[in-house]
Each structure stands twice: as C-alpha cells, then as structure tokens.
Amino acid sequence: MSILQKLRTVLGFSQEGEDTSSTNPPTSGDAADDGKTPVDIVTLDEAYAAYQGGARFIDVREPTEWDNGHVAGAVHHPVGTLENQPEIAVARDKPVVTYCAAGARAARAAAALVANGYSDVSALQGGYGDWAAAGYPVERPDDDTAS
C-alpha cells in the first residue's frame, strides 16, 4: 500500500477521494482504537507559543496563496506534494506546525508527516488569515522584512 493510500485510509477518504469520515479531522484522542494516525490540532494561541519556541511552520497552501503572504519563517510544501512525498528538511523530533487557509489541508499534511515518522506535529485550527488578523509575524512578497 502506498503512502497516499495509507493516508486516504487514515483520513477516511475512499479511492474516489470522497470523504467517508466524520466532519472533524482526526485528533490525538480519536486515534487510540480506530488505527488512525494521531494529529494534534492546536489553537492560534498554542501555535503562536510553538512559533515562539522555535517550531518549524509548514505552509501547505497552493503557490498563489503562499505568494499572497505566509507565516514569517515558514516553508512551503503544498499539501498534495507533501502527501505524495512526506519529507521535509526538519529533524523528525523537532516541533512542526502545519497550516493552510482553514485547517483541513493542514490536518491532512500533519497526518502524512506523522505517518512518515515525524513525532511532534500539530495542525493549526483555522488558518493563515486568522494568524495574520491576530497580528502575528507574516511575510509578504512586497515586504523586505517580516512584520
């Protein structure tokens, strides 16, 4: 079974891509008895605390979304690419927070990383717009520095 097939099974998607799970992404509490990969979902404040603590932020949005602004210091790995090749240039035990626009892609990406041996992965509940609206550090293409 390929990593993509495993991920689809973990996340409750059928072969056709139809969501067969509940409307909530898997969380660490859901995984004990159902064989799903645990994914910790963190609030905006928890994500910012992780950011301040040196966590690596992974933006899993599409390139056009990334180009419109992203978390300062984040690296870009679109979710489709990350699901097919769940490798990032980060030690497998370093804290990682994935984020997207609303949370669903971040949870999928986090699950792919956990399934591939990354041990400290969280997905941001909400998304980049919430991060920027809170006044947390962002980078935009027209900016020379993070704000």
Protein backbone atom coordinates (compact mmCIF):
# COMPACT_ATOMS: atom_id res chain seq x y z
CA MET A 1 0.00 0.00 0.00
CA SER A 2 1.46 3.40 -0.99
CA ILE A 3 1.80 6.26 1.49
CA LEU A 4 -1.02 8.05 -0.33
CA GLN A 5 -3.32 5.03 0.01
CA LYS A 6 -2.42 4.75 3.71
CA LEU A 7 -3.14 8.43 4.17
CA ARG A 8 -6.50 8.16 2.44
CA THR A 9 -7.38 5.26 4.74
CA VAL A 10 -6.18 7.16 7.82
CA LEU A 11 -8.16 10.25 6.89
CA GLY A 12 -11.27 8.33 5.87
CA PHE A 13 -11.22 9.00 2.13
CA SER A 14 -12.39 6.45 -0.43
CA GLN A 15 -10.43 5.73 -3.61
CA GLU A 16 -12.51 8.33 -5.45
CA GLY A 17 -11.46 10.98 -2.92
CA GLU A 18 -14.86 11.10 -1.23
CA ASP A 19 -14.71 11.87 2.47
CA THR A 20 -16.07 8.93 4.42
CA SER A 21 -15.04 10.17 7.86
CA SER A 22 -16.81 12.49 10.23
CA THR A 23 -16.60 16.22 9.57
CA ASN A 24 -13.84 16.67 12.15
CA PRO A 25 -10.19 15.90 11.35
CA PRO A 26 -8.56 13.16 13.41
CA THR A 27 -7.19 14.28 16.73
CA SER A 28 -4.86 12.66 19.18
CA GLY A 29 -7.80 11.48 21.27
CA ASP A 30 -9.53 9.78 18.33
CA ALA A 31 -6.69 7.51 17.30
CA ALA A 32 -6.41 5.05 20.17
CA ASP A 33 -8.89 2.42 18.99
CA ASP A 34 -9.51 3.14 15.33
CA GLY A 35 -5.99 2.81 13.88
CA LYS A 36 -5.90 6.42 12.61
CA THR A 37 -2.72 8.46 12.72
CA PRO A 38 -2.96 10.91 15.62
CA VAL A 39 -2.97 14.58 14.69
CA ASP A 40 -2.88 17.27 17.34
CA ILE A 41 -4.98 20.30 16.42
CA VAL A 42 -3.70 23.49 18.05
CA THR A 43 -5.40 26.81 18.63
CA LEU A 44 -3.99 30.06 17.33
CA ASP A 45 -2.51 30.92 20.72
CA GLU A 46 -0.96 27.46 21.08
CA ALA A 47 0.52 27.76 17.59
CA TYR A 48 2.00 31.16 18.41
CA ALA A 49 3.56 29.74 21.58
CA ALA A 50 5.07 26.94 19.46
CA TYR A 51 6.31 29.57 16.97
CA GLN A 52 8.00 31.46 19.78
CA GLY A 53 9.51 28.18 20.97
CA GLY A 54 11.12 27.53 17.59
CA ALA A 55 8.65 25.19 15.90
CA ARG A 56 9.00 24.88 12.13
CA PHE A 57 5.87 26.13 10.35
CA ILE A 58 4.88 24.37 7.13
CA ASP A 59 2.51 26.22 4.79
CA VAL A 60 0.56 23.61 2.84
CA ARG A 61 -1.49 26.02 0.71
CA GLU A 62 -1.19 26.42 -3.05
CA PRO A 63 1.57 28.62 -4.53
CA THR A 64 -0.77 31.55 -5.24
CA GLU A 65 -1.90 31.53 -1.61
CA TRP A 66 1.73 31.39 -0.41
CA ASP A 67 2.63 34.30 -2.69
CA ASN A 68 -0.05 36.48 -1.07
CA GLY A 69 1.60 36.12 2.34
CA HIS A 70 2.64 33.48 4.84
CA VAL A 71 3.81 32.97 8.41
CA ALA A 72 7.23 34.57 8.82
CA GLY A 73 9.93 31.93 8.50
CA ALA A 74 7.56 29.23 7.24
CA VAL A 75 8.50 26.85 4.45
CA HIS A 76 6.17 25.98 1.60
CA HIS A 77 5.10 22.41 0.85
CA PRO A 78 1.67 22.25 -0.88
CA VAL A 79 -0.48 19.52 0.66
CA GLY A 80 -0.65 17.40 -2.49
CA THR A 81 3.13 17.32 -2.76
CA LEU A 82 3.54 16.61 0.94
CA GLU A 83 1.03 13.74 0.86
CA ASN A 84 2.90 12.12 -2.03
CA GLN A 85 6.36 12.81 -0.62
CA PRO A 86 6.12 13.40 3.16
CA GLU A 87 9.71 14.52 3.69
CA ILE A 88 10.74 17.92 4.98
CA ALA A 89 14.17 19.28 5.88
CA VAL A 90 13.47 19.12 9.61
CA ALA A 91 14.61 16.61 12.22
CA ARG A 92 11.83 14.08 12.83
CA ASP A 93 11.62 15.04 16.52
CA LYS A 94 11.56 18.85 16.01
CA PRO A 95 8.20 20.55 16.61
CA VAL A 96 6.30 21.17 13.37
CA VAL A 97 3.05 23.08 12.84
CA THR A 98 1.22 22.77 9.54
CA TYR A 99 -1.25 25.40 8.40
CA CYS A 100 -3.45 26.26 5.44
CA ALA A 101 -6.38 28.63 4.92
CA ALA A 102 -8.97 26.88 7.10
CA GLY A 103 -7.45 23.78 8.72
CA ALA A 104 -8.46 20.75 6.63
CA ARG A 105 -5.35 20.66 4.42
CA ALA A 106 -3.17 21.28 7.48
CA ALA A 107 -4.64 18.21 9.19
CA ARG A 108 -4.05 16.08 6.07
CA ALA A 109 -0.45 17.26 5.83
CA ALA A 110 0.17 16.70 9.54
CA ALA A 111 -1.20 13.16 9.25
CA ALA A 112 1.15 12.47 6.33
CA LEU A 113 4.14 13.66 8.36
CA VAL A 114 3.15 11.63 11.43
CA ALA A 115 2.64 8.54 9.26
CA ASN A 116 6.16 9.10 7.93
CA GLY A 117 7.81 9.19 11.35
CA TYR A 118 7.67 12.83 12.43
CA SER A 119 6.87 12.72 16.13
CA ASP A 120 5.95 16.29 17.14
CA VAL A 121 3.47 17.51 14.53
CA SER A 122 0.44 19.73 15.02
CA ALA A 123 -2.07 21.31 12.66
CA LEU A 124 -3.30 24.86 13.15
CA GLN A 125 -7.03 25.11 13.77
CA GLY A 126 -8.23 27.86 11.46
CA GLY A 127 -5.61 29.20 9.11
CA TYR A 128 -3.28 31.85 7.81
CA GLY A 129 -5.95 34.56 7.76
CA ASP A 130 -6.54 34.09 11.49
CA TRP A 131 -2.78 34.22 12.12
CA ALA A 132 -2.40 37.46 10.14
CA ALA A 133 -5.53 39.03 11.71
CA ALA A 134 -4.10 38.34 15.18
CA GLY A 135 -1.06 40.43 14.25
CA TYR A 136 1.36 37.51 14.41
CA PRO A 137 4.51 37.67 12.22
CA VAL A 138 3.90 37.36 8.48
CA GLU A 139 5.91 37.84 5.31
CA ARG A 140 4.52 39.20 2.07
CA PRO A 141 6.30 39.34 -1.30
CA ASP A 142 6.28 43.14 -1.32
CA ASP A 143 7.80 43.29 2.18
CA ASP A 144 11.53 43.27 2.73
CA THR A 145 11.15 42.15 6.33
CA ALA A 146 8.75 40.14 8.48
CA SER A 147 6.08 42.10 10.33
